[in-house]
Protein backbone atom coordinates (compact mmCIF):
# COMPACT_ATOMS: atom_id res chain seq x y z
CA MET A 1 124.42 36.80 -101.75
CA ARG A 2 127.35 38.46 -103.50
CA VAL A 3 128.69 41.57 -101.80
CA ILE A 4 128.19 44.92 -103.48
CA ASP A 5 130.22 47.91 -102.32
CA ALA A 6 129.04 51.50 -102.67
CA VAL A 7 131.38 54.15 -104.07
CA SER A 8 131.98 57.88 -103.35
CA ASP A 9 128.86 59.50 -101.81
CA LYS A 10 126.47 56.60 -102.50
CA VAL A 11 124.57 54.45 -100.01
CA ILE A 12 123.24 51.02 -101.01
CA CYS A 13 120.27 49.93 -98.94
CA LYS A 14 117.48 47.37 -98.78
CA PRO A 15 113.99 48.91 -98.60
CA VAL A 16 111.88 48.13 -95.54
CA LYS A 17 108.21 47.91 -96.42
CA ASP A 18 106.11 49.01 -93.48
CA ASN A 19 102.66 48.47 -94.92
CA VAL A 20 100.90 47.32 -91.75
CA SER A 21 99.17 49.93 -89.60
CA GLU A 22 99.52 50.07 -85.81
CA GLY A 23 96.15 48.34 -85.61
CA GLY A 24 97.36 45.45 -87.79
CA ILE A 25 95.60 46.48 -91.02
CA VAL A 26 97.59 45.83 -94.21
CA ILE A 27 97.79 48.99 -96.34
CA PRO A 28 98.11 48.44 -100.12
CA ASP A 29 101.05 50.22 -101.80
CA GLY A 30 98.72 52.49 -103.80
CA ALA A 31 96.97 53.73 -100.67
CA GLN A 32 100.05 54.70 -98.69
CA GLN A 33 100.47 58.42 -98.31
CA ASP A 34 103.94 58.58 -96.77
CA PRO A 35 106.24 60.58 -99.05
CA GLN A 36 109.28 58.79 -97.61
CA ASP A 37 110.79 55.34 -97.67
CA TYR A 38 112.75 53.44 -95.05
CA ALA A 39 115.70 51.18 -95.78
CA THR A 40 118.45 49.25 -94.03
CA VAL A 41 121.93 50.35 -95.07
CA LEU A 42 124.00 47.55 -96.63
CA SER A 43 127.04 49.47 -97.87
CA VAL A 44 128.35 53.05 -97.86
CA GLY A 45 130.85 54.76 -100.13
CA GLY A 46 134.15 56.15 -98.87
CA ASP A 47 132.86 59.74 -98.80
CA VAL A 48 129.79 58.95 -96.66
CA THR A 49 130.07 60.10 -93.04
CA SER A 50 126.46 60.27 -91.80
CA CYS A 51 125.45 56.60 -91.73
CA LYS A 52 126.88 53.09 -91.59
CA PRO A 53 125.80 49.56 -92.51
CA GLY A 54 123.01 48.14 -90.36
CA GLN A 55 121.31 51.48 -89.67
CA THR A 56 117.81 52.33 -90.92
CA ILE A 57 117.57 55.50 -92.99
CA VAL A 58 114.68 57.65 -94.23
CA PHE A 59 114.59 59.25 -97.69
CA HIS A 60 112.06 60.54 -100.23
CA GLN A 61 110.25 57.94 -102.35
CA GLN A 62 111.63 59.51 -105.52
CA ALA A 63 115.25 59.54 -104.28
CA GLY A 64 117.98 57.43 -105.81
CA GLN A 65 117.79 54.49 -108.17
CA THR A 66 116.23 51.09 -107.70
CA MET A 67 118.30 48.11 -108.75
CA LEU A 68 117.97 44.34 -108.77
CA HIS A 69 120.94 42.44 -107.30
CA ASP A 70 120.86 38.68 -106.68
CA ARG A 71 117.05 38.74 -106.95
CA GLN A 72 116.80 41.40 -104.24
CA LEU A 73 115.41 44.86 -104.82
CA LEU A 74 117.95 47.43 -103.58
CA ARG A 75 118.09 51.23 -103.61
CA VAL A 76 121.13 53.41 -104.29
CA VAL A 77 120.82 56.93 -102.86
CA LYS A 78 123.23 59.81 -102.50
CA GLU A 79 124.13 60.80 -98.96
CA GLU A 80 122.54 64.22 -99.51
CA GLU A 81 119.17 62.54 -100.28
CA ILE A 82 118.96 60.96 -96.82
CA TYR A 83 116.54 62.75 -94.46
CA GLY A 84 117.59 61.00 -91.28
CA ILE A 85 118.58 57.88 -89.38
CA ILE A 86 116.12 55.90 -87.27
CA LYS A 87 117.52 55.24 -83.80
CA GLU A 88 115.82 52.60 -81.68
CA GLY A 89 115.32 53.00 -77.94
CA GLU A 90 116.60 56.53 -77.48
C-alpha cells in the first residue's frame, strides 16, 4: 500500500467494524444503534497532539470524510472531532 500522510489537524484512520455482539451474533449495519465509529489511526498531521498512529480512536459516525485509497476505505477526521482514544488493559 502507498503511504498517505495527514496534514495540519487531520487524522487518517482505517475504520474498525465491530458488528459482532458479545454473544457472537452478527449485527447488520442498518440495525446498529451506536452513534460512534472506531478506527485505527494510520497517520496524523503536524498539528495533532492527542493521538498517534496505531491507536484506536472513537468519533461520531457523521464526522470527517470517507475516502478510497488503494482499494481500502479510510476516514479523514479533524482532531477536534475525536471523542477519545481506546486504551487496552488499563
